[in-house]
mmCIF file of all heavy atoms, coordinates in Angstrom:
data_MODEL
# 
_entry.id   MODEL 
# 
loop_
_atom_site.group_PDB 
_atom_site.id 
_atom_site.type_symbol 
_atom_site.label_atom_id 
_atom_site.label_alt_id 
_atom_site.label_comp_id 
_atom_site.label_asym_id 
_atom_site.label_entity_id 
_atom_site.label_seq_id 
_atom_site.pdbx_PDB_ins_code 
_atom_site.Cartn_x 
_atom_site.Cartn_y 
_atom_site.Cartn_z 
_atom_site.occupancy 
_atom_site.B_iso_or_equiv 
_atom_site.pdbx_formal_charge 
_atom_site.auth_seq_id 
_atom_site.auth_comp_id 
_atom_site.auth_asym_id 
_atom_site.auth_atom_id 
_atom_site.pdbx_PDB_model_num 
ATOM 1   N N   . LYS A 1 1  ? -13.994 -30.797 -16.860 1.00 0.00 ? 1  LYS A N   1 
ATOM 2   C CA  . LYS A 1 1  ? -14.707 -29.799 -17.745 1.00 0.00 ? 1  LYS A CA  1 
ATOM 3   C C   . LYS A 1 1  ? -15.473 -28.802 -16.885 1.00 0.00 ? 1  LYS A C   1 
ATOM 4   O O   . LYS A 1 1  ? -15.484 -27.618 -17.240 1.00 0.00 ? 1  LYS A O   1 
ATOM 5   C CB  . LYS A 1 1  ? -15.726 -30.566 -18.719 1.00 0.00 ? 1  LYS A CB  1 
ATOM 6   C CG  . LYS A 1 1  ? -14.999 -31.364 -19.760 1.00 0.00 ? 1  LYS A CG  1 
ATOM 7   C CD  . LYS A 1 1  ? -16.009 -31.989 -20.691 1.00 0.00 ? 1  LYS A CD  1 
ATOM 8   C CE  . LYS A 1 1  ? -15.343 -32.697 -21.925 1.00 0.00 ? 1  LYS A CE  1 
ATOM 9   N NZ  . LYS A 1 1  ? -16.369 -33.248 -22.771 1.00 0.00 ? 1  LYS A NZ  1 
ATOM 10  N N   . THR A 1 2  ? -16.004 -29.305 -15.782 1.00 0.00 ? 2  THR A N   1 
ATOM 11  C CA  . THR A 1 2  ? -16.774 -28.361 -14.901 1.00 0.00 ? 2  THR A CA  1 
ATOM 12  C C   . THR A 1 2  ? -15.947 -27.252 -14.379 1.00 0.00 ? 2  THR A C   1 
ATOM 13  O O   . THR A 1 2  ? -16.394 -26.095 -14.131 1.00 0.00 ? 2  THR A O   1 
ATOM 14  C CB  . THR A 1 2  ? -17.502 -29.112 -13.771 1.00 0.00 ? 2  THR A CB  1 
ATOM 15  O OG1 . THR A 1 2  ? -18.356 -30.141 -14.351 1.00 0.00 ? 2  THR A OG1 1 
ATOM 16  C CG2 . THR A 1 2  ? -18.214 -28.181 -12.924 1.00 0.00 ? 2  THR A CG2 1 
ATOM 17  N N   . HIS A 1 3  ? -14.594 -27.534 -14.131 1.00 0.00 ? 3  HIS A N   1 
ATOM 18  C CA  . HIS A 1 3  ? -13.745 -26.659 -13.491 1.00 0.00 ? 3  HIS A CA  1 
ATOM 19  C C   . HIS A 1 3  ? -12.861 -25.818 -14.487 1.00 0.00 ? 3  HIS A C   1 
ATOM 20  O O   . HIS A 1 3  ? -11.960 -25.093 -14.021 1.00 0.00 ? 3  HIS A O   1 
ATOM 21  C CB  . HIS A 1 3  ? -12.894 -27.331 -12.473 1.00 0.00 ? 3  HIS A CB  1 
ATOM 22  C CG  . HIS A 1 3  ? -13.666 -27.810 -11.276 1.00 0.00 ? 3  HIS A CG  1 
ATOM 23  N ND1 . HIS A 1 3  ? -14.336 -29.020 -11.177 1.00 0.00 ? 3  HIS A ND1 1 
ATOM 24  C CD2 . HIS A 1 3  ? -13.936 -27.130 -10.039 1.00 0.00 ? 3  HIS A CD2 1 
ATOM 25  C CE1 . HIS A 1 3  ? -14.975 -29.101 -10.029 1.00 0.00 ? 3  HIS A CE1 1 
ATOM 26  N NE2 . HIS A 1 3  ? -14.702 -27.996 -9.362  1.00 0.00 ? 3  HIS A NE2 1 
ATOM 27  N N   . GLN A 1 4  ? -13.144 -25.971 -15.742 1.00 0.00 ? 4  GLN A N   1 
ATOM 28  C CA  . GLN A 1 4  ? -12.477 -25.054 -16.708 1.00 0.00 ? 4  GLN A CA  1 
ATOM 29  C C   . GLN A 1 4  ? -13.000 -23.670 -16.559 1.00 0.00 ? 4  GLN A C   1 
ATOM 30  O O   . GLN A 1 4  ? -14.176 -23.423 -16.321 1.00 0.00 ? 4  GLN A O   1 
ATOM 31  C CB  . GLN A 1 4  ? -12.751 -25.576 -18.162 1.00 0.00 ? 4  GLN A CB  1 
ATOM 32  C CG  . GLN A 1 4  ? -11.962 -24.834 -19.175 1.00 0.00 ? 4  GLN A CG  1 
ATOM 33  C CD  . GLN A 1 4  ? -12.160 -25.452 -20.549 1.00 0.00 ? 4  GLN A CD  1 
ATOM 34  O OE1 . GLN A 1 4  ? -13.172 -26.132 -20.878 1.00 0.00 ? 4  GLN A OE1 1 
ATOM 35  N NE2 . GLN A 1 4  ? -11.158 -25.318 -21.466 1.00 0.00 ? 4  GLN A NE2 1 
ATOM 36  N N   . GLN A 1 5  ? -12.155 -22.651 -16.683 1.00 0.00 ? 5  GLN A N   1 
ATOM 37  C CA  . GLN A 1 5  ? -12.537 -21.315 -16.414 1.00 0.00 ? 5  GLN A CA  1 
ATOM 38  C C   . GLN A 1 5  ? -12.748 -20.559 -17.803 1.00 0.00 ? 5  GLN A C   1 
ATOM 39  O O   . GLN A 1 5  ? -12.502 -21.116 -18.857 1.00 0.00 ? 5  GLN A O   1 
ATOM 40  C CB  . GLN A 1 5  ? -11.451 -20.594 -15.597 1.00 0.00 ? 5  GLN A CB  1 
ATOM 41  C CG  . GLN A 1 5  ? -11.284 -21.239 -14.290 1.00 0.00 ? 5  GLN A CG  1 
ATOM 42  C CD  . GLN A 1 5  ? -10.427 -20.421 -13.367 1.00 0.00 ? 5  GLN A CD  1 
ATOM 43  O OE1 . GLN A 1 5  ? -10.333 -19.157 -13.327 1.00 0.00 ? 5  GLN A OE1 1 
ATOM 44  N NE2 . GLN A 1 5  ? -9.686  -21.096 -12.410 1.00 0.00 ? 5  GLN A NE2 1 
ATOM 45  N N   . SER A 1 6  ? -13.345 -19.381 -17.681 1.00 0.00 ? 6  SER A N   1 
ATOM 46  C CA  . SER A 1 6  ? -13.877 -18.741 -18.855 1.00 0.00 ? 6  SER A CA  1 
ATOM 47  C C   . SER A 1 6  ? -12.825 -18.387 -19.925 1.00 0.00 ? 6  SER A C   1 
ATOM 48  O O   . SER A 1 6  ? -13.111 -18.303 -21.124 1.00 0.00 ? 6  SER A O   1 
ATOM 49  C CB  . SER A 1 6  ? -14.552 -17.398 -18.488 1.00 0.00 ? 6  SER A CB  1 
ATOM 50  O OG  . SER A 1 6  ? -13.685 -16.590 -17.787 1.00 0.00 ? 6  SER A OG  1 
ATOM 51  N N   . ASN A 1 7  ? -11.530 -18.304 -19.570 1.00 0.00 ? 7  ASN A N   1 
ATOM 52  C CA  . ASN A 1 7  ? -10.467 -18.034 -20.543 1.00 0.00 ? 7  ASN A CA  1 
ATOM 53  C C   . ASN A 1 7  ? -9.955  -19.252 -21.165 1.00 0.00 ? 7  ASN A C   1 
ATOM 54  O O   . ASN A 1 7  ? -8.994  -19.321 -21.973 1.00 0.00 ? 7  ASN A O   1 
ATOM 55  C CB  . ASN A 1 7  ? -9.373  -17.232 -19.900 1.00 0.00 ? 7  ASN A CB  1 
ATOM 56  C CG  . ASN A 1 7  ? -8.619  -18.052 -18.772 1.00 0.00 ? 7  ASN A CG  1 
ATOM 57  O OD1 . ASN A 1 7  ? -9.039  -19.096 -18.464 1.00 0.00 ? 7  ASN A OD1 1 
ATOM 58  N ND2 . ASN A 1 7  ? -7.625  -17.357 -18.173 1.00 0.00 ? 7  ASN A ND2 1 
ATOM 59  N N   . GLY A 1 8  ? -10.491 -20.425 -20.780 1.00 0.00 ? 8  GLY A N   1 
ATOM 60  C CA  . GLY A 1 8  ? -10.092 -21.747 -21.328 1.00 0.00 ? 8  GLY A CA  1 
ATOM 61  C C   . GLY A 1 8  ? -9.121  -22.486 -20.517 1.00 0.00 ? 8  GLY A C   1 
ATOM 62  O O   . GLY A 1 8  ? -8.808  -23.729 -20.802 1.00 0.00 ? 8  GLY A O   1 
ATOM 63  N N   . GLY A 1 9  ? -8.595  -21.958 -19.465 1.00 0.00 ? 9  GLY A N   1 
ATOM 64  C CA  . GLY A 1 9  ? -7.588  -22.581 -18.720 1.00 0.00 ? 9  GLY A CA  1 
ATOM 65  C C   . GLY A 1 9  ? -8.108  -23.153 -17.284 1.00 0.00 ? 9  GLY A C   1 
ATOM 66  O O   . GLY A 1 9  ? -9.290  -23.048 -16.994 1.00 0.00 ? 9  GLY A O   1 
ATOM 67  N N   . TRP A 1 10 ? -7.180  -23.756 -16.670 1.00 0.00 ? 10 TRP A N   1 
ATOM 68  C CA  . TRP A 1 10 ? -7.514  -24.278 -15.322 1.00 0.00 ? 10 TRP A CA  1 
ATOM 69  C C   . TRP A 1 10 ? -6.558  -23.844 -14.280 1.00 0.00 ? 10 TRP A C   1 
ATOM 70  O O   . TRP A 1 10 ? -5.424  -23.449 -14.515 1.00 0.00 ? 10 TRP A O   1 
ATOM 71  C CB  . TRP A 1 10 ? -7.354  -25.881 -15.312 1.00 0.00 ? 10 TRP A CB  1 
ATOM 72  C CG  . TRP A 1 10 ? -8.572  -26.607 -15.930 1.00 0.00 ? 10 TRP A CG  1 
ATOM 73  C CD1 . TRP A 1 10 ? -9.617  -27.174 -15.312 1.00 0.00 ? 10 TRP A CD1 1 
ATOM 74  C CD2 . TRP A 1 10 ? -8.747  -26.890 -17.339 1.00 0.00 ? 10 TRP A CD2 1 
ATOM 75  N NE1 . TRP A 1 10 ? -10.417 -27.830 -16.212 1.00 0.00 ? 10 TRP A NE1 1 
ATOM 76  C CE2 . TRP A 1 10 ? -9.886  -27.649 -17.509 1.00 0.00 ? 10 TRP A CE2 1 
ATOM 77  C CE3 . TRP A 1 10 ? -8.001  -26.527 -18.569 1.00 0.00 ? 10 TRP A CE3 1 
ATOM 78  C CZ2 . TRP A 1 10 ? -10.396 -28.115 -18.699 1.00 0.00 ? 10 TRP A CZ2 1 
ATOM 79  C CZ3 . TRP A 1 10 ? -8.488  -27.006 -19.691 1.00 0.00 ? 10 TRP A CZ3 1 
ATOM 80  C CH2 . TRP A 1 10 ? -9.590  -27.678 -19.786 1.00 0.00 ? 10 TRP A CH2 1 
ATOM 81  N N   . GLY A 1 11 ? -6.905  -23.704 -13.014 1.00 0.00 ? 11 GLY A N   1 
ATOM 82  C CA  . GLY A 1 11 ? -6.119  -23.299 -11.927 1.00 0.00 ? 11 GLY A CA  1 
ATOM 83  C C   . GLY A 1 11 ? -6.658  -23.753 -10.610 1.00 0.00 ? 11 GLY A C   1 
ATOM 84  O O   . GLY A 1 11 ? -7.868  -23.975 -10.507 1.00 0.00 ? 11 GLY A O   1 
ATOM 85  N N   . GLU A 1 12 ? -5.802  -24.019 -9.650  1.00 0.00 ? 12 GLU A N   1 
ATOM 86  C CA  . GLU A 1 12 ? -6.271  -24.474 -8.332  1.00 0.00 ? 12 GLU A CA  1 
ATOM 87  C C   . GLU A 1 12 ? -5.277  -23.935 -7.356  1.00 0.00 ? 12 GLU A C   1 
ATOM 88  O O   . GLU A 1 12 ? -4.068  -23.928 -7.471  1.00 0.00 ? 12 GLU A O   1 
ATOM 89  C CB  . GLU A 1 12 ? -6.271  -25.981 -8.296  1.00 0.00 ? 12 GLU A CB  1 
ATOM 90  C CG  . GLU A 1 12 ? -6.835  -26.531 -6.905  1.00 0.00 ? 12 GLU A CG  1 
ATOM 91  C CD  . GLU A 1 12 ? -6.977  -27.997 -6.959  1.00 0.00 ? 12 GLU A CD  1 
ATOM 92  O OE1 . GLU A 1 12 ? -6.937  -28.630 -8.019  1.00 0.00 ? 12 GLU A OE1 1 
ATOM 93  O OE2 . GLU A 1 12 ? -7.253  -28.597 -5.911  1.00 0.00 ? 12 GLU A OE2 1 
ATOM 94  N N   . THR A 1 13 ? -5.756  -23.432 -6.266  1.00 0.00 ? 13 THR A N   1 
ATOM 95  C CA  . THR A 1 13 ? -5.070  -22.871 -5.157  1.00 0.00 ? 13 THR A CA  1 
ATOM 96  C C   . THR A 1 13 ? -4.530  -23.892 -4.212  1.00 0.00 ? 13 THR A C   1 
ATOM 97  O O   . THR A 1 13 ? -5.298  -24.941 -3.947  1.00 0.00 ? 13 THR A O   1 
ATOM 98  C CB  . THR A 1 13 ? -5.875  -21.825 -4.377  1.00 0.00 ? 13 THR A CB  1 
ATOM 99  O OG1 . THR A 1 13 ? -5.179  -21.468 -3.215  1.00 0.00 ? 13 THR A OG1 1 
ATOM 100 C CG2 . THR A 1 13 ? -7.193  -22.445 -3.877  1.00 0.00 ? 13 THR A CG2 1 
ATOM 101 N N   . PRO A 1 14 ? -3.348  -23.833 -3.569  1.00 0.00 ? 14 PRO A N   1 
ATOM 102 C CA  . PRO A 1 14 ? -2.885  -24.675 -2.607  1.00 0.00 ? 14 PRO A CA  1 
ATOM 103 C C   . PRO A 1 14 ? -3.820  -24.769 -1.361  1.00 0.00 ? 14 PRO A C   1 
ATOM 104 O O   . PRO A 1 14 ? -3.822  -25.706 -0.614  1.00 0.00 ? 14 PRO A O   1 
ATOM 105 C CB  . PRO A 1 14 ? -1.522  -24.265 -2.213  1.00 0.00 ? 14 PRO A CB  1 
ATOM 106 C CG  . PRO A 1 14 ? -1.092  -23.449 -3.404  1.00 0.00 ? 14 PRO A CG  1 
ATOM 107 C CD  . PRO A 1 14 ? -2.263  -22.855 -3.990  1.00 0.00 ? 14 PRO A CD  1 
ATOM 108 N N   . ARG A 1 15 ? -4.679  -23.801 -1.227  1.00 0.00 ? 15 ARG A N   1 
ATOM 109 C CA  . ARG A 1 15 ? -5.643  -23.639 -0.175  1.00 0.00 ? 15 ARG A CA  1 
ATOM 110 C C   . ARG A 1 15 ? -6.561  -24.835 -0.189  1.00 0.00 ? 15 ARG A C   1 
ATOM 111 O O   . ARG A 1 15 ? -7.175  -25.144 0.874   1.00 0.00 ? 15 ARG A O   1 
ATOM 112 C CB  . ARG A 1 15 ? -6.280  -22.311 -0.172  1.00 0.00 ? 15 ARG A CB  1 
ATOM 113 C CG  . ARG A 1 15 ? -7.143  -22.034 1.059   1.00 0.00 ? 15 ARG A CG  1 
ATOM 114 C CD  . ARG A 1 15 ? -6.306  -21.715 2.255   1.00 0.00 ? 15 ARG A CD  1 
ATOM 115 N NE  . ARG A 1 15 ? -7.118  -21.482 3.472   1.00 0.00 ? 15 ARG A NE  1 
ATOM 116 C CZ  . ARG A 1 15 ? -6.555  -21.433 4.715   1.00 0.00 ? 15 ARG A CZ  1 
ATOM 117 N NH1 . ARG A 1 15 ? -5.227  -21.578 4.845   1.00 0.00 ? 15 ARG A NH1 1 
ATOM 118 N NH2 . ARG A 1 15 ? -7.340  -21.306 5.701   1.00 0.00 ? 15 ARG A NH2 1 
ATOM 119 N N   . SER A 1 16 ? -6.777  -25.526 -1.367  1.00 0.00 ? 16 SER A N   1 
ATOM 120 C CA  . SER A 1 16 ? -7.697  -26.613 -1.426  1.00 0.00 ? 16 SER A CA  1 
ATOM 121 C C   . SER A 1 16 ? -7.229  -27.815 -0.553  1.00 0.00 ? 16 SER A C   1 
ATOM 122 O O   . SER A 1 16 ? -8.064  -28.703 -0.297  1.00 0.00 ? 16 SER A O   1 
ATOM 123 C CB  . SER A 1 16 ? -7.761  -27.125 -2.910  1.00 0.00 ? 16 SER A CB  1 
ATOM 124 O OG  . SER A 1 16 ? -6.530  -27.575 -3.396  1.00 0.00 ? 16 SER A OG  1 
ATOM 125 N N   . TYR A 1 17 ? -6.022  -27.843 -0.114  1.00 0.00 ? 17 TYR A N   1 
ATOM 126 C CA  . TYR A 1 17 ? -5.538  -28.874 0.799   1.00 0.00 ? 17 TYR A CA  1 
ATOM 127 C C   . TYR A 1 17 ? -6.216  -28.608 2.184   1.00 0.00 ? 17 TYR A C   1 
ATOM 128 O O   . TYR A 1 17 ? -6.583  -29.537 2.961   1.00 0.00 ? 17 TYR A O   1 
ATOM 129 C CB  . TYR A 1 17 ? -4.069  -28.900 1.026   1.00 0.00 ? 17 TYR A CB  1 
ATOM 130 C CG  . TYR A 1 17 ? -3.354  -29.463 -0.175  1.00 0.00 ? 17 TYR A CG  1 
ATOM 131 C CD1 . TYR A 1 17 ? -2.701  -28.692 -1.099  1.00 0.00 ? 17 TYR A CD1 1 
ATOM 132 C CD2 . TYR A 1 17 ? -3.235  -30.879 -0.327  1.00 0.00 ? 17 TYR A CD2 1 
ATOM 133 C CE1 . TYR A 1 17 ? -1.941  -29.163 -2.165  1.00 0.00 ? 17 TYR A CE1 1 
ATOM 134 C CE2 . TYR A 1 17 ? -2.515  -31.460 -1.388  1.00 0.00 ? 17 TYR A CE2 1 
ATOM 135 C CZ  . TYR A 1 17 ? -1.915  -30.604 -2.350  1.00 0.00 ? 17 TYR A CZ  1 
ATOM 136 O OH  . TYR A 1 17 ? -1.260  -31.181 -3.359  1.00 0.00 ? 17 TYR A OH  1 
ATOM 137 N N   . ASP A 1 18 ? -6.401  -27.364 2.618   1.00 0.00 ? 18 ASP A N   1 
ATOM 138 C CA  . ASP A 1 18 ? -7.041  -26.997 3.816   1.00 0.00 ? 18 ASP A CA  1 
ATOM 139 C C   . ASP A 1 18 ? -8.506  -26.996 3.746   1.00 0.00 ? 18 ASP A C   1 
ATOM 140 O O   . ASP A 1 18 ? -9.288  -27.287 4.618   1.00 0.00 ? 18 ASP A O   1 
ATOM 141 C CB  . ASP A 1 18 ? -6.549  -25.606 4.326   1.00 0.00 ? 18 ASP A CB  1 
ATOM 142 C CG  . ASP A 1 18 ? -5.074  -25.589 4.489   1.00 0.00 ? 18 ASP A CG  1 
ATOM 143 O OD1 . ASP A 1 18 ? -4.653  -26.084 5.675   1.00 0.00 ? 18 ASP A OD1 1 
ATOM 144 O OD2 . ASP A 1 18 ? -4.275  -25.241 3.642   1.00 0.00 ? 18 ASP A OD2 1 
ATOM 145 N N   . GLU A 1 19 ? -9.036  -26.538 2.570   1.00 0.00 ? 19 GLU A N   1 
ATOM 146 C CA  . GLU A 1 19 ? -10.401 -26.403 2.324   1.00 0.00 ? 19 GLU A CA  1 
ATOM 147 C C   . GLU A 1 19 ? -10.749 -27.101 1.046   1.00 0.00 ? 19 GLU A C   1 
ATOM 148 O O   . GLU A 1 19 ? -10.787 -26.530 -0.055  1.00 0.00 ? 19 GLU A O   1 
ATOM 149 C CB  . GLU A 1 19 ? -10.780 -24.889 2.190   1.00 0.00 ? 19 GLU A CB  1 
ATOM 150 C CG  . GLU A 1 19 ? -10.411 -24.120 3.419   1.00 0.00 ? 19 GLU A CG  1 
ATOM 151 C CD  . GLU A 1 19 ? -10.669 -22.582 3.213   1.00 0.00 ? 19 GLU A CD  1 
ATOM 152 O OE1 . GLU A 1 19 ? -11.657 -22.257 2.591   1.00 0.00 ? 19 GLU A OE1 1 
ATOM 153 O OE2 . GLU A 1 19 ? -9.823  -21.766 3.723   1.00 0.00 ? 19 GLU A OE2 1 
ATOM 154 N N   . PRO A 1 20 ? -11.066 -28.398 1.123   1.00 0.00 ? 20 PRO A N   1 
ATOM 155 C CA  . PRO A 1 20 ? -11.367 -29.210 -0.026  1.00 0.00 ? 20 PRO A CA  1 
ATOM 156 C C   . PRO A 1 20 ? -12.514 -28.670 -0.901  1.00 0.00 ? 20 PRO A C   1 
ATOM 157 O O   . PRO A 1 20 ? -12.557 -28.985 -2.158  1.00 0.00 ? 20 PRO A O   1 
ATOM 158 C CB  . PRO A 1 20 ? -11.737 -30.532 0.502   1.00 0.00 ? 20 PRO A CB  1 
ATOM 159 C CG  . PRO A 1 20 ? -11.003 -30.701 1.805   1.00 0.00 ? 20 PRO A CG  1 
ATOM 160 C CD  . PRO A 1 20 ? -11.079 -29.253 2.371   1.00 0.00 ? 20 PRO A CD  1 
ATOM 161 N N   . GLU A 1 21 ? -13.337 -27.896 -0.379  1.00 0.00 ? 21 GLU A N   1 
ATOM 162 C CA  . GLU A 1 21 ? -14.443 -27.302 -1.219  1.00 0.00 ? 21 GLU A CA  1 
ATOM 163 C C   . GLU A 1 21 ? -13.877 -26.360 -2.233  1.00 0.00 ? 21 GLU A C   1 
ATOM 164 O O   . GLU A 1 21 ? -14.569 -25.934 -3.186  1.00 0.00 ? 21 GLU A O   1 
ATOM 165 C CB  . GLU A 1 21 ? -15.466 -26.562 -0.335  1.00 0.00 ? 21 GLU A CB  1 
ATOM 166 C CG  . GLU A 1 21 ? -14.918 -25.414 0.448   1.00 0.00 ? 21 GLU A CG  1 
ATOM 167 C CD  . GLU A 1 21 ? -14.379 -25.731 1.838   1.00 0.00 ? 21 GLU A CD  1 
ATOM 168 O OE1 . GLU A 1 21 ? -14.021 -26.955 2.046   1.00 0.00 ? 21 GLU A OE1 1 
ATOM 169 O OE2 . GLU A 1 21 ? -14.190 -24.877 2.610   1.00 0.00 ? 21 GLU A OE2 1 
ATOM 170 N N   . LEU A 1 22 ? -12.655 -25.913 -2.076  1.00 0.00 ? 22 LEU A N   1 
ATOM 171 C CA  . LEU A 1 22 ? -12.008 -25.064 -3.143  1.00 0.00 ? 22 LEU A CA  1 
ATOM 172 C C   . LEU A 1 22 ? -11.295 -25.875 -4.266  1.00 0.00 ? 22 LEU A C   1 
ATOM 173 O O   . LEU A 1 22 ? -10.746 -25.307 -5.148  1.00 0.00 ? 22 LEU A O   1 
ATOM 174 C CB  . LEU A 1 22 ? -10.917 -24.173 -2.500  1.00 0.00 ? 22 LEU A CB  1 
ATOM 175 C CG  . LEU A 1 22 ? -11.483 -23.113 -1.468  1.00 0.00 ? 22 LEU A CG  1 
ATOM 176 C CD1 . LEU A 1 22 ? -10.298 -22.404 -0.791  1.00 0.00 ? 22 LEU A CD1 1 
ATOM 177 C CD2 . LEU A 1 22 ? -12.468 -22.237 -2.016  1.00 0.00 ? 22 LEU A CD2 1 
ATOM 178 N N   . ARG A 1 23 ? -11.516 -27.163 -4.247  1.00 0.00 ? 23 ARG A N   1 
ATOM 179 C CA  . ARG A 1 23 ? -10.782 -28.070 -5.224  1.00 0.00 ? 23 ARG A CA  1 
ATOM 180 C C   . ARG A 1 23 ? -11.096 -27.514 -6.657  1.00 0.00 ? 23 ARG A C   1 
ATOM 181 O O   . ARG A 1 23 ? -12.310 -27.255 -6.957  1.00 0.00 ? 23 ARG A O   1 
ATOM 182 C CB  . ARG A 1 23 ? -11.215 -29.466 -5.063  1.00 0.00 ? 23 ARG A CB  1 
ATOM 183 C CG  . ARG A 1 23 ? -12.593 -29.863 -5.386  1.00 0.00 ? 23 ARG A CG  1 
ATOM 184 C CD  . ARG A 1 23 ? -12.909 -31.300 -5.120  1.00 0.00 ? 23 ARG A CD  1 
ATOM 185 N NE  . ARG A 1 23 ? -12.831 -31.538 -3.660  1.00 0.00 ? 23 ARG A NE  1 
ATOM 186 C CZ  . ARG A 1 23 ? -13.016 -32.770 -3.150  1.00 0.00 ? 23 ARG A CZ  1 
ATOM 187 N NH1 . ARG A 1 23 ? -13.434 -33.801 -3.985  1.00 0.00 ? 23 ARG A NH1 1 
ATOM 188 N NH2 . ARG A 1 23 ? -12.931 -32.973 -1.888  1.00 0.00 ? 23 ARG A NH2 1 
ATOM 189 N N   . GLY A 1 24 ? -10.114 -27.493 -7.518  1.00 0.00 ? 24 GLY A N   1 
ATOM 190 C CA  . GLY A 1 24 ? -10.326 -27.070 -8.867  1.00 0.00 ? 24 GLY A CA  1 
ATOM 191 C C   . GLY A 1 24 ? -10.606 -25.562 -9.109  1.00 0.00 ? 24 GLY A C   1 
ATOM 192 O O   . GLY A 1 24 ? -10.870 -25.221 -10.302 1.00 0.00 ? 24 GLY A O   1 
ATOM 193 N N   . THR A 1 25 ? -10.379 -24.875 -8.110  1.00 0.00 ? 25 THR A N   1 
ATOM 194 C CA  . THR A 1 25 ? -10.628 -23.332 -8.248  1.00 0.00 ? 25 THR A CA  1 
ATOM 195 C C   . THR A 1 25 ? -9.324  -22.553 -7.908  1.00 0.00 ? 25 THR A C   1 
ATOM 196 O O   . THR A 1 25 ? -8.602  -23.020 -7.019  1.00 0.00 ? 25 THR A O   1 
ATOM 197 C CB  . THR A 1 25 ? -11.775 -22.793 -7.387  1.00 0.00 ? 25 THR A CB  1 
ATOM 198 O OG1 . THR A 1 25 ? -11.519 -23.075 -6.052  1.00 0.00 ? 25 THR A OG1 1 
ATOM 199 C CG2 . THR A 1 25 ? -13.060 -23.685 -7.630  1.00 0.00 ? 25 THR A CG2 1 
ATOM 200 N N   . GLY A 1 26 ? -9.093  -21.493 -8.582  1.00 0.00 ? 26 GLY A N   1 
ATOM 201 C CA  . GLY A 1 26 ? -7.943  -20.629 -8.303  1.00 0.00 ? 26 GLY A CA  1 
ATOM 202 C C   . GLY A 1 26 ? -7.473  -19.993 -9.565  1.00 0.00 ? 26 GLY A C   1 
ATOM 203 O O   . GLY A 1 26 ? -8.085  -20.158 -10.639 1.00 0.00 ? 26 GLY A O   1 
ATOM 204 N N   . THR A 1 27 ? -6.399  -19.210 -9.418  1.00 0.00 ? 27 THR A N   1 
ATOM 205 C CA  . THR A 1 27 ? -5.887  -18.476 -10.599 1.00 0.00 ? 27 THR A CA  1 
ATOM 206 C C   . THR A 1 27 ? -5.423  -19.518 -11.662 1.00 0.00 ? 27 THR A C   1 
ATOM 207 O O   . THR A 1 27 ? -4.733  -20.474 -11.360 1.00 0.00 ? 27 THR A O   1 
ATOM 208 C CB  . THR A 1 27 ? -4.648  -17.645 -10.114 1.00 0.00 ? 27 THR A CB  1 
ATOM 209 O OG1 . THR A 1 27 ? -5.014  -16.674 -9.053  1.00 0.00 ? 27 THR A OG1 1 
ATOM 210 C CG2 . THR A 1 27 ? -4.115  -16.821 -11.267 1.00 0.00 ? 27 THR A CG2 1 
# 
């Protein structure tokens, strides 16, 4: 729920494998 974005969807970048702090974030 915390990582749901303003348009109602979810997205995560593959960059989160290199930078775990990006988990749950992305287009």
